[in-house]
Amino acid sequence: MRLRTDIFVSALLRRVFAKGGFAAVEAKGADEAGAVFIRQHFRDGLETLYGPAPQSFFDEETTGARLFEQRLTRKEPDRIREMLERERKFDPDLWIIELEAEDLGDIVPLVDERQNPL
């Protein structure tokens, strides 16, 4: 069973703050099952966008876990915003979280691209 999105986001924000970073909810989606997108801001003004990993990355061991993949890496904020606007047209219930942290380390669970089954 997957953790409710509002609880997952709350825990994510707490982890960021505990590591000395900053986080904010830019857009609040569905409390129960909204998709989560993460904008990582860097000091040089660029951003990286993380989105939900495709279902093909999930198996019995990760059932209930939320995994993310990098969608755009170190791009201009306008490019990130455009992609998020397209995503929002497709899914108006999504969440957008902004993080200011140089290294996400163990804060955001990422898929291992080397294990991509496709």
PDB file of N, CA and C in Angstrom:
ATOM      1  N   MET A   1       0.843  -1.186   0.000  1.00  0.00           N
ATOM      2  CA  MET A   1       0.000   0.000   0.000  1.00  0.00           C
ATOM      3  C   MET A   1       0.882   1.242   0.000  1.00  0.00           C
ATOM      4  N   ARG A   2       0.574   2.168  -0.874  1.00  0.00           N
ATOM      5  CA  ARG A   2       1.361   3.385  -1.014  1.00  0.00           C
ATOM      6  C   ARG A   2       0.922   4.428   0.018  1.00  0.00           C
ATOM      7  N   LEU A   3       1.902   5.132   0.544  1.00  0.00           N
ATOM      8  CA  LEU A   3       1.669   6.219   1.483  1.00  0.00           C
ATOM      9  C   LEU A   3       0.923   7.351   0.777  1.00  0.00           C
ATOM     10  N   ARG A   4      -0.023   7.967   1.466  1.00  0.00           N
ATOM     11  CA  ARG A   4      -0.749   9.107   0.891  1.00  0.00           C
ATOM     12  C   ARG A   4       0.240  10.181   0.461  1.00  0.00           C
ATOM     13  N   THR A   5      -0.087  10.887  -0.596  1.00  0.00           N
ATOM     14  CA  THR A   5       0.826  11.900  -1.135  1.00  0.00           C
ATOM     15  C   THR A   5       1.074  13.025  -0.149  1.00  0.00           C
ATOM     16  N   ASP A   6       0.039  13.496   0.545  1.00  0.00           N
ATOM     17  CA  ASP A   6       0.245  14.598   1.482  1.00  0.00           C
ATOM     18  C   ASP A   6       1.200  14.209   2.608  1.00  0.00           C
ATOM     19  N   ILE A   7       1.144  12.973   3.047  1.00  0.00           N
ATOM     20  CA  ILE A   7       2.056  12.501   4.099  1.00  0.00           C
ATOM     21  C   ILE A   7       3.471  12.345   3.541  1.00  0.00           C
ATOM     22  N   PHE A   8       3.594  11.804   2.315  1.00  0.00           N
ATOM     23  CA  PHE A   8       4.900  11.670   1.678  1.00  0.00           C
ATOM     24  C   PHE A   8       5.565  13.042   1.519  1.00  0.00           C
ATOM     25  N   VAL A   9       4.811  14.030   1.049  1.00  0.00           N
ATOM     26  CA  VAL A   9       5.359  15.379   0.845  1.00  0.00           C
ATOM     27  C   VAL A   9       5.788  15.989   2.171  1.00  0.00           C
ATOM     28  N   SER A  10       4.989  15.818   3.194  1.00  0.00           N
ATOM     29  CA  SER A  10       5.342  16.341   4.513  1.00  0.00           C
ATOM     30  C   SER A  10       6.663  15.740   5.001  1.00  0.00           C
ATOM     31  N   ALA A  11       6.819  14.427   4.841  1.00  0.00           N
ATOM     32  CA  ALA A  11       8.060  13.759   5.256  1.00  0.00           C
ATOM     33  C   ALA A  11       9.242  14.227   4.409  1.00  0.00           C
ATOM     34  N   LEU A  12       9.017  14.432   3.114  1.00  0.00           N
ATOM     35  CA  LEU A  12      10.073  14.918   2.219  1.00  0.00           C
ATOM     36  C   LEU A  12      10.556  16.296   2.665  1.00  0.00           C
ATOM     37  N   LEU A  13       9.624  17.182   2.969  1.00  0.00           N
ATOM     38  CA  LEU A  13       9.990  18.528   3.427  1.00  0.00           C
ATOM     39  C   LEU A  13      10.799  18.467   4.719  1.00  0.00           C
ATOM     40  N   ARG A  14      10.387  17.617   5.630  1.00  0.00           N
ATOM     41  CA  ARG A  14      11.117  17.482   6.903  1.00  0.00           C
ATOM     42  C   ARG A  14      12.541  16.967   6.687  1.00  0.00           C
ATOM     43  N   ARG A  15      12.705  16.016   5.764  1.00  0.00           N
ATOM     44  CA  ARG A  15      14.056  15.494   5.473  1.00  0.00           C
ATOM     45  C   ARG A  15      14.956  16.582   4.890  1.00  0.00           C
ATOM     46  N   VAL A  16      14.395  17.403   4.015  1.00  0.00           N
ATOM     47  CA  VAL A  16      15.171  18.496   3.412  1.00  0.00           C
ATOM     48  C   VAL A  16      15.589  19.490   4.492  1.00  0.00           C
ATOM     49  N   PHE A  17      14.650  19.897   5.332  1.00  0.00           N
ATOM     50  CA  PHE A  17      14.961  20.849   6.403  1.00  0.00           C
ATOM     51  C   PHE A  17      15.983  20.264   7.379  1.00  0.00           C
ATOM     52  N   ALA A  18      15.873  18.992   7.683  1.00  0.00           N
ATOM     53  CA  ALA A  18      16.806  18.351   8.617  1.00  0.00           C
ATOM     54  C   ALA A  18      18.233  18.344   8.073  1.00  0.00           C
ATOM     55  N   LYS A  19      18.377  18.344   6.746  1.00  0.00           N
ATOM     56  CA  LYS A  19      19.710  18.353   6.132  1.00  0.00           C
ATOM     57  C   LYS A  19      20.200  19.768   5.852  1.00  0.00           C
ATOM     58  N   GLY A  20      19.456  20.777   6.298  1.00  0.00           N
ATOM     59  CA  GLY A  20      19.879  22.163   6.142  1.00  0.00           C
ATOM     60  C   GLY A  20      19.463  22.807   4.833  1.00  0.00           C
ATOM     61  N   GLY A  21      18.606  22.164   4.066  1.00  0.00           N
ATOM     62  CA  GLY A  21      18.129  22.727   2.814  1.00  0.00           C
ATOM     63  C   GLY A  21      16.819  23.467   3.015  1.00  0.00           C
ATOM     64  N   PHE A  22      16.268  23.945   1.917  1.00  0.00           N
ATOM     65  CA  PHE A  22      14.982  24.631   1.944  1.00  0.00           C
ATOM     66  C   PHE A  22      14.042  23.909   0.995  1.00  0.00           C
ATOM     67  N   ALA A  23      12.774  23.839   1.360  1.00  0.00           N
ATOM     68  CA  ALA A  23      11.776  23.200   0.511  1.00  0.00           C
ATOM     69  C   ALA A  23      10.442  23.920   0.671  1.00  0.00           C
ATOM     70  N   ALA A  24       9.660  23.911  -0.409  1.00  0.00           N
ATOM     71  CA  ALA A  24       8.342  24.523  -0.378  1.00  0.00           C
ATOM     72  C   ALA A  24       7.424  23.803  -1.357  1.00  0.00           C
ATOM     73  N   VAL A  25       6.144  23.866  -1.076  1.00  0.00           N
ATOM     74  CA  VAL A  25       5.146  23.295  -1.978  1.00  0.00           C
ATOM     75  C   VAL A  25       4.733  24.409  -2.937  1.00  0.00           C
ATOM     76  N   GLU A  26       5.062  24.238  -4.209  1.00  0.00           N
ATOM     77  CA  GLU A  26       4.691  25.214  -5.238  1.00  0.00           C
ATOM     78  C   GLU A  26       3.248  25.003  -5.676  1.00  0.00           C
ATOM     79  N   ALA A  27       2.852  23.739  -5.808  1.00  0.00           N
ATOM     80  CA  ALA A  27       1.487  23.409  -6.212  1.00  0.00           C
ATOM     81  C   ALA A  27       1.041  22.168  -5.462  1.00  0.00           C
ATOM     82  N   LYS A  28      -0.127  22.265  -4.826  1.00  0.00           N
ATOM     83  CA  LYS A  28      -0.664  21.139  -4.063  1.00  0.00           C
ATOM     84  C   LYS A  28      -1.649  20.381  -4.930  1.00  0.00           C
ATOM     85  N   GLY A  29      -1.455  19.068  -4.983  1.00  0.00           N
ATOM     86  CA  GLY A  29      -2.341  18.220  -5.769  1.00  0.00           C
ATOM     87  C   GLY A  29      -3.270  17.416  -4.886  1.00  0.00           C
ATOM     88  N   ALA A  30      -3.698  16.278  -5.398  1.00  0.00           N
ATOM     89  CA  ALA A  30      -4.609  15.397  -4.669  1.00  0.00           C
ATOM     90  C   ALA A  30      -3.913  14.829  -3.435  1.00  0.00           C
ATOM     91  N   ASP A  31      -4.577  14.909  -2.283  1.00  0.00           N
ATOM     92  CA  ASP A  31      -3.993  14.434  -1.026  1.00  0.00           C
ATOM     93  C   ASP A  31      -3.704  12.944  -1.028  1.00  0.00           C
ATOM     94  N   GLU A  32      -4.574  12.175  -1.641  1.00  0.00           N
ATOM     95  CA  GLU A  32      -4.453  10.722  -1.550  1.00  0.00           C
ATOM     96  C   GLU A  32      -3.449  10.133  -2.531  1.00  0.00           C
ATOM     97  N   ALA A  33      -3.476  10.582  -3.783  1.00  0.00           N
ATOM     98  CA  ALA A  33      -2.674   9.886  -4.795  1.00  0.00           C
ATOM     99  C   ALA A  33      -2.157  10.794  -5.896  1.00  0.00           C
ATOM    100  N   GLY A  34      -1.885  12.040  -5.619  1.00  0.00           N
ATOM    101  CA  GLY A  34      -1.351  12.933  -6.643  1.00  0.00           C
ATOM    102  C   GLY A  34       0.090  12.598  -6.979  1.00  0.00           C
ATOM    103  N   ALA A  35       0.456  12.755  -8.249  1.00  0.00           N
ATOM    104  CA  ALA A  35       1.836  12.555  -8.675  1.00  0.00           C
ATOM    105  C   ALA A  35       2.687  13.700  -8.123  1.00  0.00           C
ATOM    106  N   VAL A  36       3.963  13.423  -7.830  1.00  0.00           N
ATOM    107  CA  VAL A  36       4.853  14.421  -7.255  1.00  0.00           C
ATOM    108  C   VAL A  36       5.985  14.714  -8.237  1.00  0.00           C
ATOM    109  N   PHE A  37       6.195  15.994  -8.510  1.00  0.00           N
ATOM    110  CA  PHE A  37       7.319  16.455  -9.300  1.00  0.00           C
ATOM    111  C   PHE A  37       8.179  17.341  -8.408  1.00  0.00           C
ATOM    112  N   ILE A  38       9.483  17.229  -8.546  1.00  0.00           N
ATOM    113  CA  ILE A  38      10.412  17.956  -7.680  1.00  0.00           C
ATOM    114  C   ILE A  38      11.319  18.826  -8.528  1.00  0.00           C
ATOM    115  N   ARG A  39      11.346  20.123  -8.195  1.00  0.00           N
ATOM    116  CA  ARG A  39      12.251  21.072  -8.852  1.00  0.00           C
ATOM    117  C   ARG A  39      13.417  21.313  -7.905  1.00  0.00           C
ATOM    118  N   GLN A  40      14.607  20.950  -8.315  1.00  0.00           N
ATOM    119  CA  GLN A  40      15.803  21.177  -7.508  1.00  0.00           C
ATOM    120  C   GLN A  40      16.500  22.425  -8.042  1.00  0.00           C
ATOM    121  N   HIS A  41      16.592  23.453  -7.194  1.00  0.00           N
ATOM    122  CA  HIS A  41      17.236  24.715  -7.573  1.00  0.00           C
ATOM    123  C   HIS A  41      18.712  24.668  -7.185  1.00  0.00           C
ATOM    124  N   PHE A  42      19.550  25.211  -8.069  1.00  0.00           N
ATOM    125  CA  PHE A  42      20.983  25.312  -7.791  1.00  0.00           C
ATOM    126  C   PHE A  42      21.373  26.784  -7.680  1.00  0.00           C
ATOM    127  N   ARG A  43      22.491  27.045  -7.064  1.00  0.00           N
ATOM    128  CA  ARG A  43      22.948  28.420  -6.844  1.00  0.00           C
ATOM    129  C   ARG A  43      23.253  29.156  -8.144  1.00  0.00           C
ATOM    130  N   ASP A  44      23.564  28.421  -9.207  1.00  0.00           N
ATOM    131  CA  ASP A  44      23.873  29.064 -10.487  1.00  0.00           C
ATOM    132  C   ASP A  44      22.617  29.418 -11.281  1.00  0.00           C
ATOM    133  N   GLY A  45      21.436  29.184 -10.707  1.00  0.00           N
ATOM    134  CA  GLY A  45      20.180  29.543 -11.348  1.00  0.00           C
ATOM    135  C   GLY A  45      19.553  28.433 -12.174  1.00  0.00           C
ATOM    136  N   LEU A  46      20.250  27.342 -12.365  1.00  0.00           N
ATOM    137  CA  LEU A  46      19.717  26.222 -13.127  1.00  0.00           C
ATOM    138  C   LEU A  46      18.892  25.313 -12.221  1.00  0.00           C
ATOM    139  N   GLU A  47      18.105  24.432 -12.837  1.00  0.00           N
ATOM    140  CA  GLU A  47      17.246  23.522 -12.084  1.00  0.00           C
ATOM    141  C   GLU A  47      17.296  22.124 -12.688  1.00  0.00           C
ATOM    142  N   THR A  48      17.004  21.143 -11.847  1.00  0.00           N
ATOM    143  CA  THR A  48      16.814  19.768 -12.294  1.00  0.00           C
ATOM    144  C   THR A  48      15.396  19.378 -11.911  1.00  0.00           C
ATOM    145  N   LEU A  49      14.726  18.684 -12.827  1.00  0.00           N
ATOM    146  CA  LEU A  49      13.353  18.254 -12.585  1.00  0.00           C
ATOM    147  C   LEU A  49      13.308  16.744 -12.409  1.00  0.00           C
ATOM    148  N   TYR A  50      12.671  16.315 -11.330  1.00  0.00           N
ATOM    149  CA  TYR A  50      12.448  14.894 -11.058  1.00  0.00           C
ATOM    150  C   TYR A  50      10.954  14.630 -11.147  1.00  0.00           C
ATOM    151  N   GLY A  51      10.611  13.504 -11.738  1.00  0.00           N
ATOM    152  CA  GLY A  51       9.214  13.111 -11.842  1.00  0.00           C
ATOM    153  C   GLY A  51       9.053  11.661 -11.441  1.00  0.00           C
ATOM    154  N   PRO A  52       7.820  11.198 -11.331  1.00  0.00           N
ATOM    155  CA  PRO A  52       7.582   9.796 -10.966  1.00  0.00           C
ATOM    156  C   PRO A  52       8.233   8.854 -11.979  1.00  0.00           C
ATOM    157  N   ALA A  53       8.847   7.809 -11.474  1.00  0.00           N
ATOM    158  CA  ALA A  53       9.461   6.808 -12.353  1.00  0.00           C
ATOM    159  C   ALA A  53       8.368   6.005 -13.044  1.00  0.00           C
ATOM    160  N   PRO A  54       8.640   5.524 -14.258  1.00  0.00           N
ATOM    161  CA  PRO A  54       7.662   4.677 -14.950  1.00  0.00           C
ATOM    162  C   PRO A  54       7.374   3.406 -14.157  1.00  0.00           C
ATOM    163  N   GLN A  55       6.188   2.879 -14.337  1.00  0.00           N
ATOM    164  CA  GLN A  55       5.775   1.668 -13.631  1.00  0.00           C
ATOM    165  C   GLN A  55       6.720   0.496 -13.870  1.00  0.00           C
ATOM    166  N   SER A  56       7.434   0.490 -14.981  1.00  0.00           N
ATOM    167  CA  SER A  56       8.329  -0.630 -15.290  1.00  0.00           C
ATOM    168  C   SER A  56       9.463  -0.764 -14.281  1.00  0.00           C
ATOM    169  N   PHE A  57       9.707   0.265 -13.473  1.00  0.00           N
ATOM    170  CA  PHE A  57      10.760   0.199 -12.463  1.00  0.00           C
ATOM    171  C   PHE A  57      10.295  -0.453 -11.167  1.00  0.00           C
ATOM    172  N   PHE A  58       9.001  -0.688 -11.040  1.00  0.00           N
ATOM    173  CA  PHE A  58       8.467  -1.213  -9.797  1.00  0.00           C
ATOM    174  C   PHE A  58       8.343  -2.727  -9.859  1.00  0.00           C
ATOM    175  N   ASP A  59       8.611  -3.354  -8.720  1.00  0.00           N
ATOM    176  CA  ASP A  59       8.434  -4.796  -8.605  1.00  0.00           C
ATOM    177  C   ASP A  59       7.885  -5.082  -7.221  1.00  0.00           C
ATOM    178  N   GLU A  60       7.856  -6.344  -6.855  1.00  0.00           N
ATOM    179  CA  GLU A  60       7.297  -6.710  -5.553  1.00  0.00           C
ATOM    180  C   GLU A  60       8.059  -6.079  -4.385  1.00  0.00           C
ATOM    181  N   GLU A  61       9.362  -5.869  -4.548  1.00  0.00           N
ATOM    182  CA  GLU A  61      10.166  -5.315  -3.457  1.00  0.00           C
ATOM    183  C   GLU A  61       9.904  -3.833  -3.235  1.00  0.00           C
ATOM    184  N   THR A  62       9.507  -3.113  -4.287  1.00  0.00           N
ATOM    185  CA  THR A  62       9.312  -1.672  -4.143  1.00  0.00           C
ATOM    186  C   THR A  62       7.844  -1.274  -4.106  1.00  0.00           C
ATOM    187  N   THR A  63       6.945  -2.224  -4.012  1.00  0.00           N
ATOM    188  CA  THR A  63       5.525  -1.908  -3.971  1.00  0.00           C
ATOM    189  C   THR A  63       5.253  -0.957  -2.806  1.00  0.00           C
ATOM    190  N   GLY A  64       4.559   0.116  -3.118  1.00  0.00           N
ATOM    191  CA  GLY A  64       4.247   1.100  -2.093  1.00  0.00           C
ATOM    192  C   GLY A  64       5.267   2.222  -2.001  1.00  0.00           C
ATOM    193  N   ALA A  65       6.458   2.019  -2.529  1.00  0.00           N
ATOM    194  CA  ALA A  65       7.486   3.055  -2.487  1.00  0.00           C
ATOM    195  C   ALA A  65       7.294   4.026  -3.641  1.00  0.00           C
ATOM    196  N   ARG A  66       7.742   5.236  -3.456  1.00  0.00           N
ATOM    197  CA  ARG A  66       7.734   6.219  -4.544  1.00  0.00           C
ATOM    198  C   ARG A  66       9.157   6.338  -5.056  1.00  0.00           C
ATOM    199  N   LEU A  67       9.315   6.179  -6.341  1.00  0.00           N
ATOM    200  CA  LEU A  67      10.619   6.317  -6.978  1.00  0.00           C
ATOM    201  C   LEU A  67      10.551   7.454  -7.991  1.00  0.00           C
ATOM    202  N   PHE A  68      11.661   8.138  -8.160  1.00  0.00           N
ATOM    203  CA  PHE A  68      11.726   9.273  -9.066  1.00  0.00           C
ATOM    204  C   PHE A  68      12.831   9.062 -10.089  1.00  0.00           C
ATOM    205  N   GLU A  69      12.677   9.752 -11.217  1.00  0.00           N
ATOM    206  CA  GLU A  69      13.712   9.760 -12.241  1.00  0.00           C
ATOM    207  C   GLU A  69      13.958  11.209 -12.651  1.00  0.00           C
ATOM    208  N   GLN A  70      15.167  11.485 -13.122  1.00  0.00           N
ATOM    209  CA  GLN A  70      15.455  12.825 -13.615  1.00  0.00           C
ATOM    210  C   GLN A  70      14.789  12.997 -14.966  1.00  0.00           C
ATOM    211  N   ARG A  71      14.023  14.061 -15.097  1.00  0.00           N
ATOM    212  CA  ARG A  71      13.372  14.355 -16.373  1.00  0.00           C
ATOM    213  C   ARG A  71      14.181  15.374 -17.167  1.00  0.00           C
ATOM    214  N   LEU A  72      14.659  16.419 -16.483  1.00  0.00           N
ATOM    215  CA  LEU A  72      15.531  17.423 -17.090  1.00  0.00           C
ATOM    216  C   LEU A  72      16.648  17.703 -16.104  1.00  0.00           C
ATOM    217  N   THR A  73      17.859  17.850 -16.600  1.00  0.00           N
ATOM    218  CA  THR A  73      19.019  18.029 -15.726  1.00  0.00           C
ATOM    219  C   THR A  73      19.697  19.365 -15.983  1.00  0.00           C
ATOM    220  N   ARG A  74      19.765  20.181 -14.937  1.00  0.00           N
ATOM    221  CA  ARG A  74      20.445  21.479 -14.945  1.00  0.00           C
ATOM    222  C   ARG A  74      20.071  22.313 -16.166  1.00  0.00           C
ATOM    223  N   LYS A  75      18.779  22.657 -16.226  1.00  0.00           N
ATOM    224  CA  LYS A  75      18.230  23.463 -17.317  1.00  0.00           C
ATOM    225  C   LYS A  75      17.749  24.807 -16.781  1.00  0.00           C
ATOM    226  N   GLU A  76      17.468  25.726 -17.688  1.00  0.00           N
ATOM    227  CA  GLU A  76      16.928  27.036 -17.322  1.00  0.00           C
ATOM    228  C   GLU A  76      15.535  26.863 -16.702  1.00  0.00           C
ATOM    229  N   PRO A  77      15.178  27.701 -15.724  1.00  0.00           N
ATOM    230  CA  PRO A  77      13.873  27.583 -15.063  1.00  0.00           C
ATOM    231  C   PRO A  77      12.682  27.640 -16.023  1.00  0.00           C
ATOM    232  N   ASP A  78      12.779  28.424 -17.096  1.00  0.00           N
ATOM    233  CA  ASP A  78      11.670  28.506 -18.051  1.00  0.00           C
ATOM    234  C   ASP A  78      11.403  27.163 -18.709  1.00  0.00           C
ATOM    235  N   ARG A  79      12.451  26.428 -18.998  1.00  0.00           N
ATOM    236  CA  ARG A  79      12.293  25.105 -19.616  1.00  0.00           C
ATOM    237  C   ARG A  79      11.600  24.133 -18.652  1.00  0.00           C
ATOM    238  N   ILE A  80      11.982  24.204 -17.380  1.00  0.00           N
ATOM    239  CA  ILE A  80      11.349  23.358 -16.356  1.00  0.00           C
ATOM    240  C   ILE A  80       9.878  23.732 -16.233  1.00  0.00           C
ATOM    241  N   ARG A  81       9.599  25.025 -16.176  1.00  0.00           N
ATOM    242  CA  ARG A  81       8.229  25.511 -16.034  1.00  0.00           C
ATOM    243  C   ARG A  81       7.355  25.049 -17.203  1.00  0.00           C
ATOM    244  N   GLU A  82       7.895  25.114 -18.428  1.00  0.00           N
ATOM    245  CA  GLU A  82       7.139  24.664 -19.603  1.00  0.00           C
ATOM    246  C   GLU A  82       6.773  23.188 -19.500  1.00  0.00           C
ATOM    247  N   MET A  83       7.726  22.381 -19.080  1.00  0.00           N
ATOM    248  CA  MET A  83       7.450  20.945 -18.954  1.00  0.00           C
ATOM    249  C   MET A  83       6.385  20.691 -17.889  1.00  0.00           C
ATOM    250  N   LEU A  84       6.480  21.408 -16.776  1.00  0.00           N
ATOM    251  CA  LEU A  84       5.489  21.235 -15.712  1.00  0.00           C
ATOM    252  C   LEU A  84       4.094  21.694 -16.150  1.00  0.00           C
ATOM    253  N   GLU A  85       4.025  22.726 -16.962  1.00  0.00           N
ATOM    254  CA  GLU A  85       2.728  23.174 -17.480  1.00  0.00           C
ATOM    255  C   GLU A  85       2.112  22.097 -18.370  1.00  0.00           C
ATOM    256  N   ARG A  86       2.920  21.446 -19.193  1.00  0.00           N
ATOM    257  CA  ARG A  86       2.412  20.346 -20.027  1.00  0.00           C
ATOM    258  C   ARG A  86       1.923  19.196 -19.153  1.00  0.00           C
ATOM    259  N   GLU A  87       2.693  18.871 -18.109  1.00  0.00           N
ATOM    260  CA  GLU A  87       2.302  17.789 -17.196  1.00  0.00           C
ATOM    261  C   GLU A  87       0.996  18.135 -16.486  1.00  0.00           C
ATOM    262  N   ARG A  88       0.839  19.399 -16.081  1.00  0.00           N
ATOM    263  CA  ARG A  88      -0.355  19.824 -15.347  1.00  0.00           C
ATOM    264  C   ARG A  88      -1.598  19.755 -16.229  1.00  0.00           C
ATOM    265  N   LYS A  89      -1.447  20.009 -17.545  1.00  0.00           N
ATOM    266  CA  LYS A  89      -2.578  19.870 -18.467  1.00  0.00           C
ATOM    267  C   LYS A  89      -3.031  18.414 -18.540  1.00  0.00           C
ATOM    268  N   PHE A  90      -2.076  17.514 -18.460  1.00  0.00           N
ATOM    269  CA  PHE A  90      -2.368  16.087 -18.500  1.00  0.00           C
ATOM    270  C   PHE A  90      -2.916  15.595 -17.164  1.00  0.00           C
ATOM    271  N   ASP A  91      -2.360  16.109 -16.049  1.00  0.00           N
ATOM    272  CA  ASP A  91      -2.740  15.664 -14.705  1.00  0.00           C
ATOM    273  C   ASP A  91      -2.847  16.871 -13.766  1.00  0.00           C
ATOM    274  N   PRO A  92      -4.035  17.462 -13.625  1.00  0.00           N
ATOM    275  CA  PRO A  92      -4.180  18.648 -12.773  1.00  0.00           C
ATOM    276  C   PRO A  92      -4.022  18.367 -11.281  1.00  0.00           C
ATOM    277  N   ASP A  93      -3.965  17.090 -10.878  1.00  0.00           N
ATOM    278  CA  ASP A  93      -3.838  16.737  -9.461  1.00  0.00           C
ATOM    279  C   ASP A  93      -2.394  16.550  -9.002  1.00  0.00           C
ATOM    280  N   LEU A  94      -1.423  16.965  -9.812  1.00  0.00           N
ATOM    281  CA  LEU A  94      -0.032  16.730  -9.425  1.00  0.00           C
ATOM    282  C   LEU A  94       0.473  17.765  -8.423  1.00  0.00           C
ATOM    283  N   TRP A  95       1.493  17.362  -7.688  1.00  0.00           N
ATOM    284  CA  TRP A  95       2.169  18.220  -6.717  1.00  0.00           C
ATOM    285  C   TRP A  95       3.472  18.694  -7.338  1.00  0.00           C
ATOM    286  N   ILE A  96       3.872  19.939  -7.028  1.00  0.00           N
ATOM    287  CA  ILE A  96       5.181  20.440  -7.433  1.00  0.00           C
ATOM    288  C   ILE A  96       5.883  20.915  -6.164  1.00  0.00           C
ATOM    289  N   ILE A  97       7.038  20.310  -5.898  1.00  0.00           N
ATOM    290  CA  ILE A  97       7.831  20.636  -4.711  1.00  0.00           C
ATOM    291  C   ILE A  97       9.119  21.305  -5.175  1.00  0.00           C
ATOM    292  N   GLU A  98       9.476  22.401  -4.552  1.00  0.00           N
ATOM    293  CA  GLU A  98      10.731  23.083  -4.858  1.00  0.00           C
ATOM    294  C   GLU A  98      11.722  22.816  -3.742  1.00  0.00           C
ATOM    295  N   LEU A  99      12.932  22.445  -4.127  1.00  0.00           N
ATOM    296  CA  LEU A  99      13.995  22.181  -3.160  1.00  0.00           C
ATOM    297  C   LEU A  99      15.208  23.034  -3.487  1.00  0.00           C
ATOM    298  N   GLU A 100      15.827  23.561  -2.458  1.00  0.00           N
ATOM    299  CA  GLU A 100      17.108  24.231  -2.613  1.00  0.00           C
ATOM    300  C   GLU A 100      18.113  23.419  -1.819  1.00  0.00           C
ATOM    301  N   ALA A 101      18.768  22.517  -2.523  1.00  0.00           N
ATOM    302  CA  ALA A 101      19.774  21.644  -1.910  1.00  0.00           C
ATOM    303  C   ALA A 101      20.708  21.215  -3.026  1.00  0.00           C
ATOM    304  N   GLU A 102      22.005  21.300  -2.780  1.00  0.00           N
ATOM    305  CA  GLU A 102      22.973  20.930  -3.808  1.00  0.00           C
ATOM    306  C   GLU A 102      22.966  19.429  -4.083  1.00  0.00           C
ATOM    307  N   ASP A 103      22.797  18.638  -3.038  1.00  0.00           N
ATOM    308  CA  ASP A 103      22.828  17.180  -3.197  1.00  0.00           C
ATOM    309  C   ASP A 103      21.591  16.586  -2.548  1.00  0.00           C
ATOM    310  N   LEU A 104      20.843  15.835  -3.327  1.00  0.00           N
ATOM    311  CA  LEU A 104      19.630  15.221  -2.770  1.00  0.00           C
ATOM    312  C   LEU A 104      19.943  13.939  -2.018  1.00  0.00           C
ATOM    313  N   GLY A 105      21.119  13.366  -2.285  1.00  0.00           N
ATOM    314  CA  GLY A 105      21.565  12.189  -1.546  1.00  0.00           C
ATOM    315  C   GLY A 105      20.464  11.188  -1.301  1.00  0.00           C
ATOM    316  N   ASP A 106      20.161  10.950  -0.038  1.00  0.00           N
ATOM    317  CA  ASP A 106      19.124   9.983   0.318  1.00  0.00           C
ATOM    318  C   ASP A 106      17.759  10.646   0.561  1.00  0.00           C
ATOM    319  N   ILE A 107      17.615  11.913   0.166  1.00  0.00           N
ATOM    320  CA  ILE A 107      16.357  12.620   0.380  1.00  0.00           C
ATOM    321  C   ILE A 107      15.292  12.159  -0.609  1.00  0.00           C
ATOM    322  N   VAL A 108      15.675  12.016  -1.880  1.00  0.00           N
ATOM    323  CA  VAL A 108      14.732  11.634  -2.936  1.00  0.00           C
ATOM    324  C   VAL A 108      15.137  10.266  -3.473  1.00  0.00           C
ATOM    325  N   PRO A 109      14.261   9.267  -3.371  1.00  0.00           N
ATOM    326  CA  PRO A 109      14.598   7.929  -3.865  1.00  0.00           C
ATOM    327  C   PRO A 109      14.570   7.882  -5.402  1.00  0.00           C
ATOM    328  N   LEU A 110      15.740   7.684  -6.001  1.00  0.00           N
ATOM    329  CA  LEU A 110      15.868   7.669  -7.457  1.00  0.00           C
ATOM    330  C   LEU A 110      15.990   6.251  -7.983  1.00  0.00           C
ATOM    331  N   VAL A 111      15.488   6.044  -9.196  1.00  0.00           N
ATOM    332  CA  VAL A 111      15.669   4.748  -9.848  1.00  0.00           C
ATOM    333  C   VAL A 111      17.115   4.656 -10.320  1.00  0.00           C
ATOM    334  N   ASP A 112      17.590   3.456 -10.392  1.00  0.00           N
ATOM    335  CA  ASP A 112      18.929   3.221 -10.919  1.00  0.00           C
ATOM    336  C   ASP A 112      18.774   2.991 -12.415  1.00  0.00           C
ATOM    337  N   GLU A 113      19.207   3.954 -13.219  1.00  0.00           N
ATOM    338  CA  GLU A 113      19.006   3.887 -14.666  1.00  0.00           C
ATOM    339  C   GLU A 113      19.646   2.660 -15.293  1.00  0.00           C
ATOM    340  N   ARG A 114      20.652   2.094 -14.660  1.00  0.00           N
ATOM    341  CA  ARG A 114      21.302   0.906 -15.208  1.00  0.00           C
ATOM    342  C   ARG A 114      20.386  -0.301 -15.141  1.00  0.00           C
ATOM    343  N   GLN A 115      19.366  -0.251 -14.286  1.00  0.00           N
ATOM    344  CA  GLN A 115      18.458  -1.376 -14.149  1.00  0.00           C
ATOM    345  C   GLN A 115      17.190  -1.196 -14.972  1.00  0.00           C
ATOM    346  N   ASN A 116      17.198  -0.245 -15.895  1.00  0.00           N
ATOM    347  CA  ASN A 116      16.023   0.009 -16.726  1.00  0.00           C
ATOM    348  C   ASN A 116      15.700  -1.252 -17.530  1.00  0.00           C
ATOM    349  N   PRO A 117      14.514  -1.814 -17.342  1.00  0.00           N
ATOM    350  CA  PRO A 117      14.160  -3.053 -18.016  1.00  0.00           C
ATOM    351  C   PRO A 117      13.845  -2.893 -19.492  1.00  0.00           C
ATOM    352  N   LEU A 118      13.772  -1.655 -19.988  1.00  0.00           N
ATOM    353  CA  LEU A 118      13.396  -1.447 -21.395  1.00  0.00           C
ATOM    354  C   LEU A 118      14.546  -1.614 -22.322  1.00  0.00           C
TER     355      LEU A 118
END
